[in-house]
């Protein structure tokens, strides 16, 4: 029987061959057949006979479950699966829309169209209402405007953070339903 050269111990991923440090393991062969519980060394030798590695697939079981696999191919497929999962995940961003309390109707409609687009893409939207000069003494106008925004997007979004003042700005955060 020909032994493979000793590789460094695995830093991550499953243990295999000589790195399995338990006396007995439950063995599953390359076709998925359960061979039962056997000594680890005997299982490693049987794996070498068919040209594969003994890979620990369930280390927390009692006894641990090992399978006859090609370790290189197993790691490669696990890496491909992780890359695909990372590629398909979508992070939710916070988009910001800035307004003024005395915004014109057409400008308001344009801003609302962008809010609908952002929420449709699955992003959160932060509405910032900036007060300048004497506008600060009419905060109720800003509150009315933000309530109007919340009503307009009521069927596609929910208010995550209700309007609040921060210095000269009033903020509100909307999230997709």
N, C-alpha and C. Protein backbone atom coordinates (compact mmCIF):
# COMPACT_ATOMS: atom_id res chain seq x y z
N UNK A 1 0.84 -1.17 0.00
CA UNK A 1 0.00 0.00 0.00
C UNK A 1 0.89 1.24 0.00
N UNK A 2 0.54 2.20 -0.87
CA UNK A 2 1.37 3.40 -1.00
C UNK A 2 0.79 4.53 -0.17
N UNK A 3 1.61 5.13 0.66
CA UNK A 3 1.19 6.24 1.51
C UNK A 3 1.39 7.55 0.78
N UNK A 4 0.48 8.47 1.01
CA UNK A 4 0.64 9.81 0.44
C UNK A 4 1.60 10.59 1.33
N UNK A 5 2.28 11.60 0.77
CA UNK A 5 3.18 12.41 1.60
C UNK A 5 2.38 13.17 2.65
N UNK A 6 2.99 13.35 3.82
CA UNK A 6 2.32 14.01 4.94
C UNK A 6 2.18 15.50 4.65
N UNK A 7 0.96 16.01 4.74
CA UNK A 7 0.68 17.43 4.52
C UNK A 7 0.60 18.13 5.87
N UNK A 8 0.70 19.47 5.88
CA UNK A 8 0.55 20.18 7.15
C UNK A 8 -0.88 20.02 7.66
N UNK A 9 -1.11 20.10 8.98
CA UNK A 9 -2.47 19.93 9.51
C UNK A 9 -3.41 21.01 8.98
N UNK A 10 -4.67 20.66 8.77
CA UNK A 10 -5.61 21.65 8.22
C UNK A 10 -5.88 22.77 9.22
N UNK A 11 -5.78 24.02 8.75
CA UNK A 11 -6.06 25.17 9.61
C UNK A 11 -7.56 25.40 9.73
N UNK A 12 -8.27 25.14 8.64
CA UNK A 12 -9.73 25.27 8.65
C UNK A 12 -10.30 24.14 7.82
N UNK A 13 -11.57 23.91 7.97
CA UNK A 13 -12.19 22.83 7.22
C UNK A 13 -12.13 21.53 8.00
N UNK A 14 -12.58 20.46 7.38
CA UNK A 14 -12.68 19.18 8.10
C UNK A 14 -11.30 18.53 8.30
N UNK A 15 -11.19 17.72 9.35
CA UNK A 15 -9.97 16.95 9.56
C UNK A 15 -10.02 15.74 8.64
N UNK A 16 -8.86 15.27 8.24
CA UNK A 16 -8.81 14.12 7.34
C UNK A 16 -7.57 13.28 7.62
N UNK A 17 -7.66 12.00 7.23
CA UNK A 17 -6.58 11.01 7.38
C UNK A 17 -5.94 11.05 8.76
N UNK A 18 -4.61 11.29 8.84
CA UNK A 18 -3.89 11.21 10.10
C UNK A 18 -4.28 12.30 11.10
N UNK A 19 -5.02 13.31 10.68
CA UNK A 19 -5.40 14.41 11.57
C UNK A 19 -6.66 14.09 12.36
N UNK A 20 -7.30 12.97 12.07
CA UNK A 20 -8.46 12.53 12.85
C UNK A 20 -7.90 11.86 14.10
N UNK A 21 -8.15 12.47 15.27
CA UNK A 21 -7.50 12.01 16.50
C UNK A 21 -8.46 11.33 17.47
N UNK A 22 -9.33 10.48 16.94
CA UNK A 22 -10.20 9.66 17.79
C UNK A 22 -9.94 8.20 17.45
N UNK A 23 -10.08 7.27 18.42
CA UNK A 23 -9.75 5.87 18.14
C UNK A 23 -10.71 5.18 17.17
N UNK A 24 -12.02 5.47 17.27
CA UNK A 24 -13.00 4.80 16.41
C UNK A 24 -13.87 5.83 15.70
N UNK A 25 -14.28 5.49 14.48
CA UNK A 25 -15.15 6.36 13.69
C UNK A 25 -16.21 5.53 12.99
N UNK A 26 -17.34 6.16 12.68
CA UNK A 26 -18.37 5.53 11.86
C UNK A 26 -18.02 5.86 10.41
N UNK A 27 -17.95 4.87 9.54
CA UNK A 27 -17.44 5.06 8.19
C UNK A 27 -18.55 4.91 7.15
N UNK A 28 -18.54 5.84 6.19
CA UNK A 28 -19.44 5.78 5.04
C UNK A 28 -18.54 5.74 3.81
N UNK A 29 -18.78 4.77 2.92
CA UNK A 29 -17.88 4.64 1.76
C UNK A 29 -18.24 5.64 0.66
N UNK A 30 -17.52 5.57 -0.46
CA UNK A 30 -17.68 6.54 -1.54
C UNK A 30 -19.03 6.45 -2.24
N UNK A 31 -19.77 5.35 -2.06
CA UNK A 31 -21.10 5.22 -2.68
C UNK A 31 -22.22 5.52 -1.69
N UNK A 32 -21.88 5.95 -0.47
CA UNK A 32 -22.88 6.30 0.52
C UNK A 32 -23.32 5.15 1.41
N UNK A 33 -22.65 4.00 1.30
CA UNK A 33 -22.99 2.84 2.13
C UNK A 33 -22.36 2.98 3.51
N UNK A 34 -23.13 2.67 4.55
CA UNK A 34 -22.62 2.73 5.92
C UNK A 34 -21.82 1.45 6.20
N UNK A 35 -20.52 1.59 6.45
CA UNK A 35 -19.67 0.43 6.74
C UNK A 35 -19.61 0.13 8.23
N UNK A 36 -20.23 0.97 9.06
CA UNK A 36 -20.25 0.75 10.49
C UNK A 36 -19.09 1.41 11.21
N UNK A 37 -18.96 1.10 12.50
CA UNK A 37 -17.90 1.67 13.34
C UNK A 37 -16.65 0.82 13.20
N UNK A 38 -15.51 1.48 12.96
CA UNK A 38 -14.23 0.77 12.89
C UNK A 38 -13.12 1.65 13.42
N UNK A 39 -11.97 1.03 13.65
CA UNK A 39 -10.82 1.80 14.13
C UNK A 39 -10.39 2.80 13.06
N UNK A 40 -9.94 3.96 13.49
CA UNK A 40 -9.57 5.03 12.58
C UNK A 40 -8.47 4.60 11.63
N UNK A 41 -7.44 3.93 12.15
CA UNK A 41 -6.31 3.52 11.31
C UNK A 41 -6.76 2.54 10.23
N UNK A 42 -7.64 1.62 10.59
CA UNK A 42 -8.16 0.65 9.62
C UNK A 42 -8.97 1.37 8.53
N UNK A 43 -9.77 2.37 8.94
CA UNK A 43 -10.58 3.13 7.99
C UNK A 43 -9.68 3.92 7.03
N UNK A 44 -8.59 4.49 7.54
CA UNK A 44 -7.65 5.24 6.70
C UNK A 44 -7.03 4.30 5.66
N UNK A 45 -6.65 3.10 6.09
CA UNK A 45 -6.05 2.14 5.16
C UNK A 45 -7.04 1.72 4.07
N UNK A 46 -8.32 1.53 4.45
CA UNK A 46 -9.33 1.16 3.45
C UNK A 46 -9.55 2.29 2.45
N UNK A 47 -9.48 3.54 2.93
CA UNK A 47 -9.64 4.69 2.03
C UNK A 47 -8.47 4.76 1.06
N UNK A 48 -7.24 4.51 1.55
CA UNK A 48 -6.06 4.52 0.68
C UNK A 48 -6.14 3.44 -0.39
N UNK A 49 -6.71 2.29 -0.02
CA UNK A 49 -6.81 1.18 -0.98
C UNK A 49 -7.63 1.56 -2.21
N UNK A 50 -8.67 2.40 -2.00
CA UNK A 50 -9.49 2.81 -3.16
C UNK A 50 -9.07 4.19 -3.69
N UNK A 51 -7.96 4.72 -3.17
CA UNK A 51 -7.40 5.97 -3.71
C UNK A 51 -8.09 7.23 -3.23
N UNK A 52 -8.71 7.20 -2.05
CA UNK A 52 -9.40 8.37 -1.50
C UNK A 52 -8.87 8.68 -0.10
N UNK A 53 -9.40 9.73 0.48
CA UNK A 53 -9.03 10.14 1.83
C UNK A 53 -10.19 9.85 2.78
N UNK A 54 -9.89 9.69 4.06
CA UNK A 54 -10.92 9.56 5.09
C UNK A 54 -11.16 10.97 5.63
N UNK A 55 -12.36 11.51 5.40
CA UNK A 55 -12.67 12.89 5.77
C UNK A 55 -13.76 12.89 6.84
N UNK A 56 -13.51 13.64 7.90
CA UNK A 56 -14.47 13.75 9.00
C UNK A 56 -15.59 14.71 8.58
N UNK A 57 -16.80 14.19 8.40
CA UNK A 57 -17.92 15.04 7.95
C UNK A 57 -18.81 15.49 9.10
N UNK A 58 -18.83 14.73 10.19
CA UNK A 58 -19.63 15.11 11.35
C UNK A 58 -18.82 14.85 12.62
N UNK A 59 -17.96 15.82 13.02
CA UNK A 59 -17.07 15.61 14.16
C UNK A 59 -17.77 15.56 15.51
N UNK A 60 -18.99 16.10 15.62
CA UNK A 60 -19.66 16.17 16.92
C UNK A 60 -20.47 14.92 17.25
N UNK A 61 -20.62 14.01 16.27
CA UNK A 61 -21.38 12.79 16.53
C UNK A 61 -20.56 11.87 17.44
N UNK A 62 -21.22 10.85 17.97
CA UNK A 62 -20.50 9.90 18.83
C UNK A 62 -20.74 8.49 18.32
N UNK A 63 -19.81 7.82 17.69
CA UNK A 63 -18.48 8.30 17.29
C UNK A 63 -18.58 9.22 16.07
N UNK A 64 -17.52 10.02 15.78
CA UNK A 64 -17.54 10.92 14.64
C UNK A 64 -17.78 10.17 13.33
N UNK A 65 -18.50 10.82 12.39
CA UNK A 65 -18.81 10.19 11.10
C UNK A 65 -17.76 10.64 10.09
N UNK A 66 -17.16 9.65 9.39
CA UNK A 66 -16.16 9.94 8.37
C UNK A 66 -16.60 9.32 7.05
N UNK A 67 -16.12 9.92 5.96
CA UNK A 67 -16.53 9.48 4.63
C UNK A 67 -15.29 9.33 3.75
N UNK A 68 -15.36 8.41 2.79
CA UNK A 68 -14.28 8.26 1.81
C UNK A 68 -14.50 9.32 0.73
N UNK A 69 -13.61 10.32 0.67
CA UNK A 69 -13.72 11.42 -0.29
C UNK A 69 -12.34 11.80 -0.79
N UNK A 70 -12.31 12.54 -1.89
CA UNK A 70 -11.08 13.18 -2.35
C UNK A 70 -11.05 14.55 -1.67
N UNK A 71 -10.12 14.76 -0.74
CA UNK A 71 -10.12 15.98 0.08
C UNK A 71 -9.95 17.24 -0.76
N UNK A 72 -9.13 17.19 -1.79
CA UNK A 72 -8.93 18.36 -2.65
C UNK A 72 -10.21 18.77 -3.34
N UNK A 73 -10.91 17.80 -3.90
CA UNK A 73 -12.18 18.07 -4.60
C UNK A 73 -13.23 18.57 -3.61
N UNK A 74 -13.25 17.98 -2.41
CA UNK A 74 -14.21 18.37 -1.37
C UNK A 74 -14.01 19.84 -0.98
N UNK A 75 -12.75 20.24 -0.75
CA UNK A 75 -12.46 21.64 -0.38
C UNK A 75 -12.79 22.60 -1.51
N UNK A 76 -12.49 22.19 -2.75
CA UNK A 76 -12.76 23.03 -3.91
C UNK A 76 -14.26 23.28 -4.04
N UNK A 77 -15.08 22.24 -3.89
CA UNK A 77 -16.53 22.40 -4.02
C UNK A 77 -17.11 23.22 -2.88
N UNK A 78 -16.55 23.07 -1.68
CA UNK A 78 -17.00 23.87 -0.54
C UNK A 78 -16.68 25.35 -0.78
N UNK A 79 -15.52 25.62 -1.35
CA UNK A 79 -15.13 27.00 -1.66
C UNK A 79 -16.04 27.61 -2.72
N UNK A 80 -16.36 26.81 -3.75
CA UNK A 80 -17.27 27.28 -4.81
C UNK A 80 -18.65 27.61 -4.24
N UNK A 81 -19.14 26.76 -3.33
CA UNK A 81 -20.44 26.98 -2.72
C UNK A 81 -20.44 28.26 -1.89
N UNK A 82 -19.35 28.50 -1.14
CA UNK A 82 -19.25 29.70 -0.32
C UNK A 82 -19.19 30.95 -1.19
N UNK A 83 -18.44 30.89 -2.30
CA UNK A 83 -18.35 32.03 -3.22
C UNK A 83 -19.71 32.35 -3.83
N UNK A 84 -20.47 31.33 -4.21
CA UNK A 84 -21.79 31.53 -4.81
C UNK A 84 -22.74 32.16 -3.80
N UNK A 85 -22.68 31.71 -2.54
CA UNK A 85 -23.53 32.29 -1.50
C UNK A 85 -23.17 33.76 -1.27
N UNK A 86 -21.88 34.07 -1.29
CA UNK A 86 -21.44 35.45 -1.09
C UNK A 86 -21.87 36.34 -2.25
N UNK A 87 -21.85 35.78 -3.47
CA UNK A 87 -22.20 36.55 -4.66
C UNK A 87 -23.69 36.88 -4.69
N UNK A 88 -24.54 35.94 -4.22
CA UNK A 88 -25.98 36.15 -4.32
C UNK A 88 -26.57 36.94 -3.16
N UNK A 89 -25.81 37.16 -2.08
CA UNK A 89 -26.38 37.90 -0.96
C UNK A 89 -26.43 39.39 -1.30
N UNK A 90 -27.46 40.07 -0.80
CA UNK A 90 -27.66 41.48 -1.10
C UNK A 90 -27.60 42.26 0.20
N UNK A 91 -26.76 43.27 0.25
CA UNK A 91 -26.70 44.10 1.44
C UNK A 91 -27.68 45.26 1.29
N UNK A 92 -28.34 45.61 2.37
CA UNK A 92 -29.31 46.68 2.34
C UNK A 92 -28.60 48.00 2.62
N UNK A 93 -28.73 48.93 1.71
CA UNK A 93 -28.07 50.22 1.87
C UNK A 93 -29.08 51.25 2.36
N UNK A 94 -28.55 52.34 2.91
CA UNK A 94 -29.41 53.46 3.31
C UNK A 94 -29.17 54.58 2.32
N UNK A 95 -30.21 54.92 1.56
CA UNK A 95 -30.15 56.02 0.61
C UNK A 95 -30.74 57.25 1.29
N UNK A 96 -30.21 58.42 0.93
CA UNK A 96 -30.68 59.64 1.57
C UNK A 96 -31.35 60.56 0.56
N UNK A 97 -32.49 61.11 0.95
CA UNK A 97 -33.20 62.11 0.15
C UNK A 97 -33.26 63.37 1.00
N UNK A 98 -32.78 64.48 0.43
CA UNK A 98 -32.79 65.74 1.16
C UNK A 98 -33.89 66.65 0.62
N UNK A 99 -34.61 67.28 1.55
CA UNK A 99 -35.70 68.18 1.19
C UNK A 99 -35.62 69.43 2.04
N UNK A 100 -36.45 70.41 1.67
CA UNK A 100 -36.62 71.62 2.46
C UNK A 100 -38.10 71.72 2.82
N UNK A 101 -38.45 72.38 3.91
CA UNK A 101 -39.85 72.41 4.34
C UNK A 101 -40.79 73.07 3.32
N UNK A 102 -40.30 74.03 2.55
CA UNK A 102 -41.17 74.72 1.59
C UNK A 102 -40.92 74.21 0.17
N UNK A 103 -40.84 72.89 0.00
CA UNK A 103 -40.56 72.28 -1.29
C UNK A 103 -41.77 72.44 -2.22
N UNK A 104 -41.49 72.66 -3.49
CA UNK A 104 -42.55 72.83 -4.49
C UNK A 104 -43.15 71.46 -4.83
N UNK A 105 -44.38 71.44 -5.38
CA UNK A 105 -45.06 70.18 -5.68
C UNK A 105 -44.29 69.33 -6.69
N UNK A 106 -43.79 69.94 -7.75
CA UNK A 106 -43.09 69.17 -8.78
C UNK A 106 -41.79 68.56 -8.21
N UNK A 107 -41.05 69.35 -7.42
CA UNK A 107 -39.82 68.85 -6.78
C UNK A 107 -40.16 67.70 -5.83
N UNK A 108 -41.27 67.86 -5.09
CA UNK A 108 -41.71 66.81 -4.17
C UNK A 108 -42.00 65.52 -4.94
N UNK A 109 -42.71 65.64 -6.07
CA UNK A 109 -43.04 64.45 -6.88
C UNK A 109 -41.76 63.76 -7.38
N UNK A 110 -40.78 64.53 -7.81
CA UNK A 110 -39.52 63.97 -8.29
C UNK A 110 -38.82 63.21 -7.16
N UNK A 111 -38.76 63.83 -5.98
CA UNK A 111 -38.13 63.17 -4.83
C UNK A 111 -38.88 61.89 -4.46
N UNK A 112 -40.20 61.92 -4.52
CA UNK A 112 -41.00 60.75 -4.17
C UNK A 112 -40.79 59.61 -5.17
N UNK A 113 -40.57 59.97 -6.43
CA UNK A 113 -40.29 58.95 -7.45
C UNK A 113 -38.99 58.22 -7.09
N UNK A 114 -37.97 58.97 -6.65
CA UNK A 114 -36.70 58.36 -6.24
C UNK A 114 -36.88 57.49 -4.99
N UNK A 115 -37.72 57.95 -4.05
CA UNK A 115 -37.99 57.17 -2.84
C UNK A 115 -38.61 55.84 -3.23
N UNK A 116 -39.58 55.87 -4.15
CA UNK A 116 -40.23 54.63 -4.62
C UNK A 116 -39.20 53.71 -5.28
N UNK A 117 -38.30 54.28 -6.10
CA UNK A 117 -37.27 53.48 -6.76
C UNK A 117 -36.36 52.79 -5.73
N UNK A 118 -35.88 53.56 -4.75
CA UNK A 118 -34.97 53.02 -3.75
C UNK A 118 -35.64 51.90 -2.94
N UNK A 119 -36.87 52.13 -2.53
CA UNK A 119 -37.58 51.11 -1.73
C UNK A 119 -37.87 49.89 -2.59
N UNK A 120 -38.17 50.10 -3.87
CA UNK A 120 -38.40 48.98 -4.79
C UNK A 120 -37.16 48.11 -4.96
N UNK A 121 -35.97 48.71 -4.83
CA UNK A 121 -34.71 47.95 -4.92
C UNK A 121 -34.36 47.27 -3.61
N UNK A 122 -35.15 47.53 -2.56
CA UNK A 122 -34.90 46.87 -1.27
C UNK A 122 -34.03 47.67 -0.33
N UNK A 123 -33.79 48.94 -0.63
CA UNK A 123 -32.95 49.78 0.22
C UNK A 123 -33.80 50.57 1.21
N UNK A 124 -33.17 50.96 2.33
CA UNK A 124 -33.83 51.86 3.26
C UNK A 124 -33.63 53.28 2.75
N UNK A 125 -34.53 54.17 3.13
CA UNK A 125 -34.44 55.57 2.69
C UNK A 125 -34.49 56.48 3.92
N UNK A 126 -33.51 57.37 4.00
CA UNK A 126 -33.46 58.35 5.09
C UNK A 126 -33.89 59.68 4.50
N UNK A 127 -34.97 60.24 4.99
CA UNK A 127 -35.46 61.54 4.53
C UNK A 127 -34.91 62.60 5.48
N UNK A 128 -34.16 63.54 4.92
CA UNK A 128 -33.57 64.62 5.71
C UNK A 128 -34.23 65.93 5.31
N UNK A 129 -34.80 66.59 6.28
CA UNK A 129 -35.46 67.87 6.05
C UNK A 129 -34.60 68.95 6.70
N UNK A 130 -34.00 69.82 5.92
CA UNK A 130 -33.09 70.83 6.46
C UNK A 130 -33.81 72.17 6.60
N UNK A 131 -33.71 72.76 7.78
CA UNK A 131 -34.32 74.06 8.06
C UNK A 131 -33.25 75.14 8.01
N UNK A 132 -33.59 76.27 7.35
CA UNK A 132 -32.64 77.40 7.29
C UNK A 132 -33.30 78.65 7.84
N UNK A 133 -32.55 79.41 8.60
CA UNK A 133 -33.02 80.70 9.10
C UNK A 133 -34.31 80.60 9.90
N UNK A 134 -35.33 81.37 9.46
CA UNK A 134 -36.59 81.43 10.20
C UNK A 134 -37.44 80.17 10.04
N UNK A 135 -37.09 79.32 9.09
CA UNK A 135 -37.86 78.08 8.89
C UNK A 135 -37.85 77.24 10.17
N UNK A 136 -36.80 77.38 10.98
CA UNK A 136 -36.65 76.58 12.20
C UNK A 136 -37.79 76.85 13.18
N UNK A 137 -38.38 78.04 13.13
CA UNK A 137 -39.49 78.35 14.04
C UNK A 137 -40.81 77.74 13.56
N UNK A 138 -40.81 77.13 12.34
CA UNK A 138 -42.03 76.50 11.80
C UNK A 138 -41.80 75.01 11.59
N UNK A 139 -41.43 74.34 12.67
CA UNK A 139 -41.14 72.90 12.57
C UNK A 139 -42.38 72.08 12.25
N UNK A 140 -43.56 72.63 12.56
CA UNK A 140 -44.78 71.88 12.27
C UNK A 140 -44.96 71.68 10.77
N UNK A 141 -44.44 72.61 9.93
CA UNK A 141 -44.52 72.44 8.47
C UNK A 141 -43.67 71.24 8.03
N UNK A 142 -42.51 71.10 8.65
CA UNK A 142 -41.65 69.96 8.35
C UNK A 142 -42.29 68.66 8.78
N UNK A 143 -42.94 68.67 9.94
CA UNK A 143 -43.61 67.46 10.43
C UNK A 143 -44.74 67.07 9.50
N UNK A 144 -45.49 68.05 9.01
CA UNK A 144 -46.59 67.77 8.07
C UNK A 144 -46.05 67.18 6.76
N UNK A 145 -44.94 67.71 6.29
CA UNK A 145 -44.33 67.21 5.05
C UNK A 145 -43.89 65.75 5.22
N UNK A 146 -43.25 65.44 6.34
CA UNK A 146 -42.79 64.06 6.56
C UNK A 146 -43.97 63.10 6.75
N UNK A 147 -45.08 63.58 7.35
CA UNK A 147 -46.27 62.73 7.46
C UNK A 147 -46.87 62.46 6.07
N UNK A 148 -46.82 63.49 5.21
CA UNK A 148 -47.29 63.33 3.82
C UNK A 148 -46.45 62.29 3.08
N UNK A 149 -45.12 62.32 3.29
CA UNK A 149 -44.22 61.33 2.69
C UNK A 149 -44.59 59.93 3.18
N UNK A 150 -44.80 59.79 4.49
CA UNK A 150 -45.13 58.48 5.07
C UNK A 150 -46.44 57.94 4.50
N UNK A 151 -47.42 58.82 4.28
CA UNK A 151 -48.70 58.39 3.71
C UNK A 151 -48.52 57.95 2.25
N UNK A 152 -47.69 58.68 1.49
CA UNK A 152 -47.50 58.36 0.07
C UNK A 152 -46.82 57.01 -0.15
N UNK A 153 -45.96 56.61 0.76
CA UNK A 153 -45.26 55.33 0.59
C UNK A 153 -45.80 54.26 1.54
N UNK A 154 -46.96 54.52 2.14
CA UNK A 154 -47.53 53.62 3.14
C UNK A 154 -47.72 52.19 2.68
N UNK A 155 -48.07 51.98 1.39
CA UNK A 155 -48.34 50.61 0.95
C UNK A 155 -47.08 49.84 0.59
N UNK A 156 -45.93 50.51 0.36
CA UNK A 156 -44.70 49.78 0.01
C UNK A 156 -43.62 49.86 1.09
N UNK A 157 -43.80 50.77 2.06
CA UNK A 157 -42.76 50.95 3.07
C UNK A 157 -43.37 51.21 4.43
N UNK A 158 -42.56 50.98 5.47
CA UNK A 158 -42.99 51.31 6.82
C UNK A 158 -41.99 52.30 7.42
N UNK A 159 -42.48 53.10 8.35
CA UNK A 159 -41.61 54.07 9.00
C UNK A 159 -40.80 53.34 10.06
N UNK A 160 -39.47 53.31 9.88
CA UNK A 160 -38.61 52.61 10.82
C UNK A 160 -38.19 53.54 11.96
N UNK A 161 -37.90 54.79 11.62
CA UNK A 161 -37.55 55.79 12.64
C UNK A 161 -38.44 57.00 12.41
N UNK A 162 -39.30 57.30 13.38
CA UNK A 162 -40.25 58.40 13.23
C UNK A 162 -39.51 59.74 13.23
N UNK A 163 -40.12 60.78 12.66
CA UNK A 163 -39.44 62.09 12.54
C UNK A 163 -38.93 62.60 13.89
N UNK A 164 -37.66 63.05 13.86
CA UNK A 164 -37.05 63.62 15.05
C UNK A 164 -36.09 64.74 14.62
N UNK A 165 -35.88 65.68 15.51
CA UNK A 165 -34.99 66.80 15.22
C UNK A 165 -33.57 66.47 15.65
N UNK A 166 -32.62 66.82 14.79
CA UNK A 166 -31.20 66.74 15.12
C UNK A 166 -30.58 68.05 14.66
N UNK A 167 -30.42 68.96 15.58
CA UNK A 167 -29.89 70.27 15.22
C UNK A 167 -30.87 71.02 14.33
N UNK A 168 -30.44 71.40 13.13
CA UNK A 168 -31.31 72.11 12.19
C UNK A 168 -31.97 71.17 11.18
N UNK A 169 -31.91 69.86 11.45
CA UNK A 169 -32.47 68.89 10.51
C UNK A 169 -33.53 68.04 11.20
N UNK A 170 -34.51 67.62 10.41
CA UNK A 170 -35.51 66.67 10.88
C UNK A 170 -35.31 65.40 10.06
N UNK A 171 -35.20 64.25 10.73
CA UNK A 171 -34.89 62.99 10.05
C UNK A 171 -36.01 61.98 10.22
N UNK A 172 -36.18 61.15 9.18
CA UNK A 172 -37.13 60.04 9.24
C UNK A 172 -36.53 58.92 8.36
N UNK A 173 -36.65 57.66 8.82
CA UNK A 173 -36.11 56.53 8.06
C UNK A 173 -37.26 55.61 7.65
N UNK A 174 -37.29 55.26 6.36
CA UNK A 174 -38.29 54.35 5.81
C UNK A 174 -37.62 53.05 5.42
N UNK A 175 -38.30 51.92 5.63
CA UNK A 175 -37.77 50.61 5.26
C UNK A 175 -38.82 49.89 4.41
N UNK A 176 -38.38 49.05 3.46
CA UNK A 176 -39.35 48.29 2.65
C UNK A 176 -40.17 47.35 3.53
N UNK A 177 -41.44 47.13 3.15
CA UNK A 177 -42.28 46.21 3.91
C UNK A 177 -41.88 44.79 3.62
